[in-house]
Amino acid sequence: MQDRHPLRIGCVKYLNARPLIHGWPIDVVLDHPSALCAQLSGGELDIALVSSFEFLRNPIYRMVDGISISSDGPVYSVVVAHVGEMSDVKEIELDPAAETSGNLLRCLLNERKLTPRFVATSTSSSLPKGTARLLIGDQAIRFRQKHAKEFQFWDLGEQWKKLVGLPFVYALWLVRPEVVDPKSIADRLRRLRDSNLANIDSLIAGEKEFDRGFCARYYREHLRFGFGEREMEGLRAFHHLCQKHDLLPKRDFALNLV
């Protein structure tokens, strides 16, 4: 139980999460989305910033109100790298860590009546003809910047906005049901997010892995860090499409916000 040990908190280890976790005063488990989902569902973490699909699949959690990692148009860091037309792609390599993005991709393809096979991601930076690759997070950013002239990039945030007209929610803070006083934790996370966004230039100036000019565009133009009515509607639309395409069981959509 959470009252018997220090709060165990996990966060995706991507550039997009820095404004939500920078400055948190206790140790944070940084990992890939699928690993964090497994740790949270297994009770190894009390709260984690994880894939929105984890909530839709396992809606036992309370959700921190007002915070998400979302996009309202092109997101830049969730893309399918391909050559030629997407309609000509026969295989797509999937990153096993990309649960939300993988299911978003399935929904987008199904809605367009495209039926490529899904295969495991290879280690090669080249792709055979007719093969594409789903990339997420920091890996997607590095791949795009290194191979910008070799590939086209099908941006899933942009495609979602074209299809649905709403933001797409990639990640949320989820809290296990046994955690004591989740609202006080949620309030701390909201204050931390607000402080980091108010001082975003300082956060960017301290960035050591990525170009600062890129970070400024990424944070200001591609990402959203709120979770309001339109983001809720976007999440609801994703839930509906996942059910439509048999990616989730049929059940009601309900949010337990703190």
C-alpha atoms as a PDB file:
ATOM      1  CA  MET A   1       0.000   0.000   0.000  1.00  0.00           C
ATOM      2  CA  GLN A   2       1.174   3.505  -0.765  1.00  0.00           C
ATOM      3  CA  ASP A   3       1.063   4.646   2.877  1.00  0.00           C
ATOM      4  CA  ARG A   4       3.696   2.018   3.780  1.00  0.00           C
ATOM      5  CA  HIS A   5       6.378   3.178   1.401  1.00  0.00           C
ATOM      6  CA  PRO A   6       7.525   6.355  -0.377  1.00  0.00           C
ATOM      7  CA  LEU A   7       5.538   7.270  -3.458  1.00  0.00           C
ATOM      8  CA  ARG A   8       6.737   5.247  -6.442  1.00  0.00           C
ATOM      9  CA  ILE A   9       6.386   7.354  -9.571  1.00  0.00           C
ATOM     10  CA  GLY A  10       7.240   6.507 -13.183  1.00  0.00           C
ATOM     11  CA  CYS A  11       7.491   8.605 -16.314  1.00  0.00           C
ATOM     12  CA  VAL A  12       8.199   8.021 -19.983  1.00  0.00           C
ATOM     13  CA  LYS A  13      11.828   8.842 -20.725  1.00  0.00           C
ATOM     14  CA  TYR A  14      11.182  11.070 -23.717  1.00  0.00           C
ATOM     15  CA  LEU A  15      11.777  14.733 -24.481  1.00  0.00           C
ATOM     16  CA  ASN A  16       8.016  15.305 -24.601  1.00  0.00           C
ATOM     17  CA  ALA A  17       7.661  14.496 -20.881  1.00  0.00           C
ATOM     18  CA  ARG A  18      10.309  16.900 -19.552  1.00  0.00           C
ATOM     19  CA  PRO A  19       7.854  19.766 -18.902  1.00  0.00           C
ATOM     20  CA  LEU A  20       5.751  17.413 -16.776  1.00  0.00           C
ATOM     21  CA  ILE A  21       8.468  15.857 -14.601  1.00  0.00           C
ATOM     22  CA  HIS A  22      11.471  18.228 -14.498  1.00  0.00           C
ATOM     23  CA  GLY A  23      12.125  19.263 -10.914  1.00  0.00           C
ATOM     24  CA  TRP A  24      10.125  16.502  -9.202  1.00  0.00           C
ATOM     25  CA  PRO A  25      11.856  16.198  -5.819  1.00  0.00           C
ATOM     26  CA  ILE A  26      12.004  12.403  -5.418  1.00  0.00           C
ATOM     27  CA  ASP A  27      13.401   9.589  -7.556  1.00  0.00           C
ATOM     28  CA  VAL A  28      11.460   8.807 -10.730  1.00  0.00           C
ATOM     29  CA  VAL A  29      11.507   5.544 -12.686  1.00  0.00           C
ATOM     30  CA  LEU A  30      12.194   6.523 -16.300  1.00  0.00           C
ATOM     31  CA  ASP A  31      11.312   3.871 -18.871  1.00  0.00           C
ATOM     32  CA  HIS A  32       9.530   3.139 -22.142  1.00  0.00           C
ATOM     33  CA  PRO A  33       5.709   3.333 -22.230  1.00  0.00           C
ATOM     34  CA  SER A  34       5.009  -0.410 -22.364  1.00  0.00           C
ATOM     35  CA  ALA A  35       7.412  -1.143 -19.475  1.00  0.00           C
ATOM     36  CA  LEU A  36       5.798   1.557 -17.316  1.00  0.00           C
ATOM     37  CA  CYS A  37       2.320   0.230 -18.121  1.00  0.00           C
ATOM     38  CA  ALA A  38       3.384  -3.233 -16.940  1.00  0.00           C
ATOM     39  CA  GLN A  39       4.897  -1.841 -13.740  1.00  0.00           C
ATOM     40  CA  LEU A  40       1.835   0.289 -12.992  1.00  0.00           C
ATOM     41  CA  SER A  41      -0.670  -2.501 -13.660  1.00  0.00           C
ATOM     42  CA  GLY A  42       1.456  -4.900 -11.598  1.00  0.00           C
ATOM     43  CA  GLY A  43       1.495  -2.562  -8.601  1.00  0.00           C
ATOM     44  CA  GLU A  44       5.230  -1.823  -8.811  1.00  0.00           C
ATOM     45  CA  LEU A  45       4.451   1.869  -9.339  1.00  0.00           C
ATOM     46  CA  ASP A  46       1.828   4.020  -7.604  1.00  0.00           C
ATOM     47  CA  ILE A  47       1.496   6.647 -10.310  1.00  0.00           C
ATOM     48  CA  ALA A  48       2.946   6.923 -13.789  1.00  0.00           C
ATOM     49  CA  LEU A  49       2.798   9.033 -16.911  1.00  0.00           C
ATOM     50  CA  VAL A  50       1.859   6.286 -19.344  1.00  0.00           C
ATOM     51  CA  SER A  51       0.041   5.529 -22.592  1.00  0.00           C
ATOM     52  CA  SER A  52      -3.559   6.654 -22.804  1.00  0.00           C
ATOM     53  CA  PHE A  53      -4.387   3.196 -24.161  1.00  0.00           C
ATOM     54  CA  GLU A  54      -3.441   1.723 -20.759  1.00  0.00           C
ATOM     55  CA  PHE A  55      -6.361   3.594 -19.210  1.00  0.00           C
ATOM     56  CA  LEU A  56      -8.771   2.526 -21.954  1.00  0.00           C
ATOM     57  CA  ARG A  57      -7.667  -1.099 -21.633  1.00  0.00           C
ATOM     58  CA  ASN A  58      -7.606  -1.192 -17.824  1.00  0.00           C
ATOM     59  CA  PRO A  59      -9.843   1.593 -16.454  1.00  0.00           C
ATOM     60  CA  ILE A  60      -9.161   0.912 -12.767  1.00  0.00           C
ATOM     61  CA  TYR A  61      -7.060   4.041 -12.433  1.00  0.00           C
ATOM     62  CA  ARG A  62      -7.769   7.558 -11.362  1.00  0.00           C
ATOM     63  CA  MET A  63      -6.521  10.132 -13.840  1.00  0.00           C
ATOM     64  CA  VAL A  64      -4.794  13.407 -12.991  1.00  0.00           C
ATOM     65  CA  ASP A  65      -7.121  16.100 -14.314  1.00  0.00           C
ATOM     66  CA  GLY A  66      -5.779  18.869 -16.509  1.00  0.00           C
ATOM     67  CA  ILE A  67      -2.541  17.199 -17.665  1.00  0.00           C
ATOM     68  CA  SER A  68      -1.687  15.143 -20.729  1.00  0.00           C
ATOM     69  CA  ILE A  69       0.779  14.864 -23.547  1.00  0.00           C
ATOM     70  CA  SER A  70      -1.344  15.646 -26.579  1.00  0.00           C
ATOM     71  CA  SER A  71      -1.220  17.165 -30.022  1.00  0.00           C
ATOM     72  CA  ASP A  72      -3.786  19.185 -31.951  1.00  0.00           C
ATOM     73  CA  GLY A  73      -2.289  18.580 -35.376  1.00  0.00           C
ATOM     74  CA  PRO A  74       1.189  17.353 -36.375  1.00  0.00           C
ATOM     75  CA  VAL A  75       3.042  15.926 -33.361  1.00  0.00           C
ATOM     76  CA  TYR A  76       6.391  15.362 -35.173  1.00  0.00           C
ATOM     77  CA  SER A  77       7.496  12.478 -32.908  1.00  0.00           C
ATOM     78  CA  VAL A  78       4.878   9.812 -33.739  1.00  0.00           C
ATOM     79  CA  VAL A  79       5.341   8.966 -37.399  1.00  0.00           C
ATOM     80  CA  VAL A  80       5.476   6.241 -39.996  1.00  0.00           C
ATOM     81  CA  ALA A  81       8.669   6.509 -42.055  1.00  0.00           C
ATOM     82  CA  HIS A  82       7.996   5.378 -45.627  1.00  0.00           C
ATOM     83  CA  VAL A  83       9.060   5.745 -49.262  1.00  0.00           C
ATOM     84  CA  GLY A  84       6.453   6.390 -51.939  1.00  0.00           C
ATOM     85  CA  GLU A  85       2.738   6.370 -51.181  1.00  0.00           C
ATOM     86  CA  MET A  86       1.317   5.044 -47.901  1.00  0.00           C
ATOM     87  CA  SER A  87      -1.271   3.162 -49.936  1.00  0.00           C
ATOM     88  CA  ASP A  88       1.570   1.127 -51.494  1.00  0.00           C
ATOM     89  CA  VAL A  89       3.032   0.022 -48.156  1.00  0.00           C
ATOM     90  CA  LYS A  90       2.727  -3.748 -47.643  1.00  0.00           C
ATOM     91  CA  GLU A  91       4.434  -4.085 -44.247  1.00  0.00           C
ATOM     92  CA  ILE A  92       4.876  -1.770 -41.277  1.00  0.00           C
ATOM     93  CA  GLU A  93       7.509  -2.417 -38.633  1.00  0.00           C
ATOM     94  CA  LEU A  94       6.065  -1.757 -35.172  1.00  0.00           C
ATOM     95  CA  ASP A  95       7.976  -0.607 -32.098  1.00  0.00           C
ATOM     96  CA  PRO A  96       6.796  -2.935 -29.289  1.00  0.00           C
ATOM     97  CA  ALA A  97       6.916  -0.008 -26.840  1.00  0.00           C
ATOM     98  CA  ALA A  98       4.342   1.908 -28.869  1.00  0.00           C
ATOM     99  CA  GLU A  99       1.019   0.637 -27.507  1.00  0.00           C
ATOM    100  CA  THR A 100      -1.035   3.803 -27.883  1.00  0.00           C
ATOM    101  CA  SER A 101       0.624   4.814 -31.145  1.00  0.00           C
ATOM    102  CA  GLY A 102       0.378   1.281 -32.540  1.00  0.00           C
ATOM    103  CA  ASN A 103      -3.346   1.175 -31.900  1.00  0.00           C
ATOM    104  CA  LEU A 104      -3.784   4.714 -33.209  1.00  0.00           C
ATOM    105  CA  LEU A 105      -2.028   3.582 -36.390  1.00  0.00           C
ATOM    106  CA  ARG A 106      -4.337   0.554 -36.675  1.00  0.00           C
ATOM    107  CA  CYS A 107      -7.385   2.827 -36.346  1.00  0.00           C
ATOM    108  CA  LEU A 108      -6.111   5.292 -38.959  1.00  0.00           C
ATOM    109  CA  LEU A 109      -5.259   2.543 -41.432  1.00  0.00           C
ATOM    110  CA  ASN A 110      -8.575   0.746 -40.926  1.00  0.00           C
ATOM    111  CA  GLU A 111     -10.506   3.971 -41.464  1.00  0.00           C
ATOM    112  CA  ARG A 112      -8.620   4.444 -44.742  1.00  0.00           C
ATOM    113  CA  LYS A 113      -9.227   0.800 -45.738  1.00  0.00           C
ATOM    114  CA  LEU A 114      -5.467   0.123 -45.785  1.00  0.00           C
ATOM    115  CA  THR A 115      -4.354  -3.346 -44.683  1.00  0.00           C
ATOM    116  CA  PRO A 116      -0.542  -3.665 -44.447  1.00  0.00           C
ATOM    117  CA  ARG A 117       0.950  -6.475 -42.359  1.00  0.00           C
ATOM    118  CA  PHE A 118       2.598  -5.615 -39.051  1.00  0.00           C
ATOM    119  CA  VAL A 119       6.061  -7.027 -38.347  1.00  0.00           C
ATOM    120  CA  ALA A 120       8.719  -6.582 -35.663  1.00  0.00           C
ATOM    121  CA  THR A 121      11.018  -3.577 -35.986  1.00  0.00           C
ATOM    122  CA  SER A 122      14.407  -4.329 -37.509  1.00  0.00           C
ATOM    123  CA  THR A 123      17.657  -2.672 -36.473  1.00  0.00           C
ATOM    124  CA  SER A 124      18.455  -1.414 -39.963  1.00  0.00           C
ATOM    125  CA  SER A 125      18.124   2.279 -40.817  1.00  0.00           C
ATOM    126  CA  SER A 126      17.091   1.313 -44.345  1.00  0.00           C
ATOM    127  CA  LEU A 127      13.703  -0.079 -45.287  1.00  0.00           C
ATOM    128  CA  PRO A 128      12.985  -2.554 -48.111  1.00  0.00           C
ATOM    129  CA  LYS A 129      10.612  -1.373 -50.823  1.00  0.00           C
ATOM    130  CA  GLY A 130       7.027  -1.616 -49.645  1.00  0.00           C
ATOM    131  CA  THR A 131       8.042  -1.559 -45.955  1.00  0.00           C
ATOM    132  CA  ALA A 132       7.482   1.312 -43.508  1.00  0.00           C
ATOM    133  CA  ARG A 133       8.310   1.786 -39.828  1.00  0.00           C
ATOM    134  CA  LEU A 134       6.403   3.282 -36.918  1.00  0.00           C
ATOM    135  CA  LEU A 135       8.661   5.479 -34.787  1.00  0.00           C
ATOM    136  CA  ILE A 136       7.815   7.230 -31.519  1.00  0.00           C
ATOM    137  CA  GLY A 137       9.390   9.590 -29.041  1.00  0.00           C
ATOM    138  CA  ASP A 138      13.069  10.483 -29.078  1.00  0.00           C
ATOM    139  CA  GLN A 139      13.844   7.688 -31.545  1.00  0.00           C
ATOM    140  CA  ALA A 140      11.427   9.259 -34.029  1.00  0.00           C
ATOM    141  CA  ILE A 141      13.003  12.693 -33.597  1.00  0.00           C
ATOM    142  CA  ARG A 142      16.535  11.383 -34.143  1.00  0.00           C
ATOM    143  CA  PHE A 143      15.507   9.258 -37.125  1.00  0.00           C
ATOM    144  CA  ARG A 144      13.705  12.183 -38.790  1.00  0.00           C
ATOM    145  CA  GLN A 145      16.617  14.523 -38.290  1.00  0.00           C
ATOM    146  CA  LYS A 146      19.153  11.985 -39.589  1.00  0.00           C
ATOM    147  CA  HIS A 147      17.131  10.637 -42.532  1.00  0.00           C
ATOM    148  CA  ALA A 148      15.012  13.645 -43.510  1.00  0.00           C
ATOM    149  CA  LYS A 149      15.944  13.388 -47.199  1.00  0.00           C
ATOM    150  CA  GLU A 150      15.537   9.620 -47.499  1.00  0.00           C
ATOM    151  CA  PHE A 151      11.974   9.140 -46.231  1.00  0.00           C
ATOM    152  CA  GLN A 152       8.555  10.685 -46.046  1.00  0.00           C
ATOM    153  CA  PHE A 153       6.929  10.837 -42.619  1.00  0.00           C
ATOM    154  CA  TRP A 154       3.244  10.106 -42.075  1.00  0.00           C
ATOM    155  CA  ASP A 155       2.507  12.081 -38.917  1.00  0.00           C
ATOM    156  CA  LEU A 156      -0.124  10.294 -36.821  1.00  0.00           C
ATOM    157  CA  GLY A 157      -1.122  13.450 -34.962  1.00  0.00           C
ATOM    158  CA  GLU A 158      -1.789  15.203 -38.257  1.00  0.00           C
ATOM    159  CA  GLN A 159      -3.701  12.235 -39.660  1.00  0.00           C
ATOM    160  CA  TRP A 160      -5.847  11.988 -36.515  1.00  0.00           C
ATOM    161  CA  LYS A 161      -6.718  15.694 -36.684  1.00  0.00           C
ATOM    162  CA  LYS A 162      -7.736  15.284 -40.342  1.00  0.00           C
ATOM    163  CA  LEU A 163      -9.899  12.269 -39.506  1.00  0.00           C
ATOM    164  CA  VAL A 164     -11.545  13.362 -36.254  1.00  0.00           C
ATOM    165  CA  GLY A 165     -10.954  17.110 -35.939  1.00  0.00           C
ATOM    166  CA  LEU A 166      -9.898  16.780 -32.292  1.00  0.00           C
ATOM    167  CA  PRO A 167      -6.648  16.572 -30.303  1.00  0.00           C
ATOM    168  CA  PHE A 168      -5.037  13.185 -29.757  1.00  0.00           C
ATOM    169  CA  VAL A 169      -4.011  12.216 -26.211  1.00  0.00           C
ATOM    170  CA  TYR A 170      -0.831  10.116 -26.098  1.00  0.00           C
ATOM    171  CA  ALA A 171      -0.086   9.989 -22.373  1.00  0.00           C
ATOM    172  CA  LEU A 172      -1.755  10.674 -19.027  1.00  0.00           C
ATOM    173  CA  TRP A 173      -0.844  10.552 -15.364  1.00  0.00           C
ATOM    174  CA  LEU A 174      -2.612   7.458 -13.983  1.00  0.00           C
ATOM    175  CA  VAL A 175      -2.906   6.701 -10.267  1.00  0.00           C
ATOM    176  CA  ARG A 176      -3.496   3.242  -8.818  1.00  0.00           C
ATOM    177  CA  PRO A 177      -6.773   2.894  -6.889  1.00  0.00           C
ATOM    178  CA  GLU A 178      -5.130   2.099  -3.525  1.00  0.00           C
ATOM    179  CA  VAL A 179      -3.046   5.305  -3.443  1.00  0.00           C
ATOM    180  CA  VAL A 180      -3.949   7.465  -0.437  1.00  0.00           C
ATOM    181  CA  ASP A 181      -4.902  11.137  -1.051  1.00  0.00           C
ATOM    182  CA  PRO A 182      -4.392  11.152  -4.847  1.00  0.00           C
ATOM    183  CA  LYS A 183      -5.643  14.735  -5.152  1.00  0.00           C
ATOM    184  CA  SER A 184      -2.686  16.166  -3.209  1.00  0.00           C
ATOM    185  CA  ILE A 185      -0.317  14.318  -5.563  1.00  0.00           C
ATOM    186  CA  ALA A 186      -2.295  15.520  -8.589  1.00  0.00           C
ATOM    187  CA  ASP A 187      -2.139  19.104  -7.287  1.00  0.00           C
ATOM    188  CA  ARG A 188       1.659  18.848  -6.975  1.00  0.00           C
ATOM    189  CA  LEU A 189       1.929  17.544 -10.534  1.00  0.00           C
ATOM    190  CA  ARG A 190      -0.267  20.352 -11.863  1.00  0.00           C
ATOM    191  CA  ARG A 191       1.838  22.964 -10.054  1.00  0.00           C
ATOM    192  CA  LEU A 192       5.034  21.392 -11.406  1.00  0.00           C
ATOM    193  CA  ARG A 193       3.689  21.428 -14.975  1.00  0.00           C
ATOM    194  CA  ASP A 194       2.587  25.054 -14.633  1.00  0.00           C
ATOM    195  CA  SER A 195       5.985  26.095 -13.246  1.00  0.00           C
ATOM    196  CA  ASN A 196       7.900  24.307 -16.010  1.00  0.00           C
ATOM    197  CA  LEU A 197       5.740  25.794 -18.759  1.00  0.00           C
ATOM    198  CA  ALA A 198       6.079  29.265 -17.237  1.00  0.00           C
ATOM    199  CA  ASN A 199       9.865  28.787 -17.352  1.00  0.00           C
ATOM    200  CA  ILE A 200      10.053  26.809 -20.592  1.00  0.00           C
ATOM    201  CA  ASP A 201      12.952  28.879 -21.954  1.00  0.00           C
ATOM    202  CA  SER A 202      15.047  27.862 -18.942  1.00  0.00           C
ATOM    203  CA  LEU A 203      14.092  24.207 -19.447  1.00  0.00           C
ATOM    204  CA  ILE A 204      15.086  24.426 -23.107  1.00  0.00           C
ATOM    205  CA  ALA A 205      18.368  26.163 -22.257  1.00  0.00           C
ATOM    206  CA  GLY A 206      19.311  23.212 -20.067  1.00  0.00           C
ATOM    207  CA  GLU A 207      18.600  20.627 -22.770  1.00  0.00           C
ATOM    208  CA  LYS A 208      21.669  18.526 -23.514  1.00  0.00           C
ATOM    209  CA  GLU A 209      20.370  15.919 -25.994  1.00  0.00           C
ATOM    210  CA  PHE A 210      18.499  17.954 -28.607  1.00  0.00           C
ATOM    211  CA  ASP A 211      18.956  21.213 -30.485  1.00  0.00           C
ATOM    212  CA  ARG A 212      17.426  24.066 -28.523  1.00  0.00           C
ATOM    213  CA  GLY A 213      15.762  25.635 -31.541  1.00  0.00           C
ATOM    214  CA  PHE A 214      14.058  22.335 -32.273  1.00  0.00           C
ATOM    215  CA  CYS A 215      12.959  21.985 -28.631  1.00  0.00           C
ATOM    216  CA  ALA A 216      11.361  25.438 -28.710  1.00  0.00           C
ATOM    217  CA  ARG A 217       9.317  24.500 -31.805  1.00  0.00           C
ATOM    218  CA  TYR A 218       8.489  21.053 -30.449  1.00  0.00           C
ATOM    219  CA  TYR A 219       7.166  22.322 -27.122  1.00  0.00           C
ATOM    220  CA  ARG A 220       5.376  25.371 -28.494  1.00  0.00           C
ATOM    221  CA  GLU A 221       4.039  24.183 -31.853  1.00  0.00           C
ATOM    222  CA  HIS A 222       3.630  20.414 -31.696  1.00  0.00           C
ATOM    223  CA  LEU A 223       2.771  19.455 -28.129  1.00  0.00           C
ATOM    224  CA  ARG A 224      -0.030  20.294 -25.722  1.00  0.00           C
ATOM    225  CA  PHE A 225       0.204  19.623 -21.985  1.00  0.00           C
ATOM    226  CA  GLY A 226      -3.380  20.234 -20.880  1.00  0.00           C
ATOM    227  CA  PHE A 227      -6.338  17.906 -20.610  1.00  0.00           C
ATOM    228  CA  GLY A 228      -9.547  19.858 -21.159  1.00  0.00           C
ATOM    229  CA  GLU A 229     -12.873  19.222 -22.862  1.00  0.00           C
ATOM    230  CA  ARG A 230     -11.451  18.841 -26.377  1.00  0.00           C
ATOM    231  CA  GLU A 231      -8.760  16.425 -25.215  1.00  0.00           C
ATOM    232  CA  MET A 232     -11.446  14.408 -23.389  1.00  0.00           C
ATOM    233  CA  GLU A 233     -13.495  14.317 -26.585  1.00  0.00           C
ATOM    234  CA  GLY A 234     -10.411  13.188 -28.501  1.00  0.00           C
ATOM    235  CA  LEU A 235      -9.791  10.395 -25.997  1.00  0.00           C
ATOM    236  CA  ARG A 236     -13.441   9.383 -26.203  1.00  0.00           C
ATOM    237  CA  ALA A 237     -13.187   9.246 -30.010  1.00  0.00           C
ATOM    238  CA  PHE A 238     -10.085   7.042 -29.752  1.00  0.00           C
ATOM    239  CA  HIS A 239     -11.941   4.735 -27.366  1.00  0.00           C
ATOM    240  CA  HIS A 240     -14.826   4.511 -29.849  1.00  0.00           C
ATOM    241  CA  LEU A 241     -12.560   3.681 -32.805  1.00  0.00           C
ATOM    242  CA  CYS A 242     -10.604   1.099 -30.793  1.00  0.00           C
ATOM    243  CA  GLN A 243     -13.894  -0.621 -30.004  1.00  0.00           C
ATOM    244  CA  LYS A 244     -15.070  -0.320 -33.612  1.00  0.00           C
ATOM    245  CA  HIS A 245     -11.906  -2.037 -34.838  1.00  0.00           C
ATOM    246  CA  ASP A 246     -11.891  -4.722 -32.099  1.00  0.00           C
ATOM    247  CA  LEU A 247      -8.871  -3.362 -30.248  1.00  0.00           C
ATOM    248  CA  LEU A 248     -10.856  -2.977 -27.022  1.00  0.00           C
ATOM    249  CA  PRO A 249     -13.856  -4.787 -25.514  1.00  0.00           C
ATOM    250  CA  LYS A 250     -17.200  -3.008 -25.629  1.00  0.00           C
ATOM    251  CA  ARG A 251     -17.759  -1.037 -22.417  1.00  0.00           C
ATOM    252  CA  ASP A 252     -18.745   2.441 -21.325  1.00  0.00           C
ATOM    253  CA  PHE A 253     -16.265   5.295 -21.304  1.00  0.00           C
ATOM    254  CA  ALA A 254     -15.919   6.933 -17.892  1.00  0.00           C
ATOM    255  CA  LEU A 255     -13.193   9.141 -16.418  1.00  0.00           C
ATOM    256  CA  ASN A 256     -12.283   9.120 -12.710  1.00  0.00           C
ATOM    257  CA  LEU A 257     -10.471  12.445 -12.426  1.00  0.00           C
ATOM    258  CA  VAL A 258      -8.546  13.784  -9.418  1.00  0.00           C
END
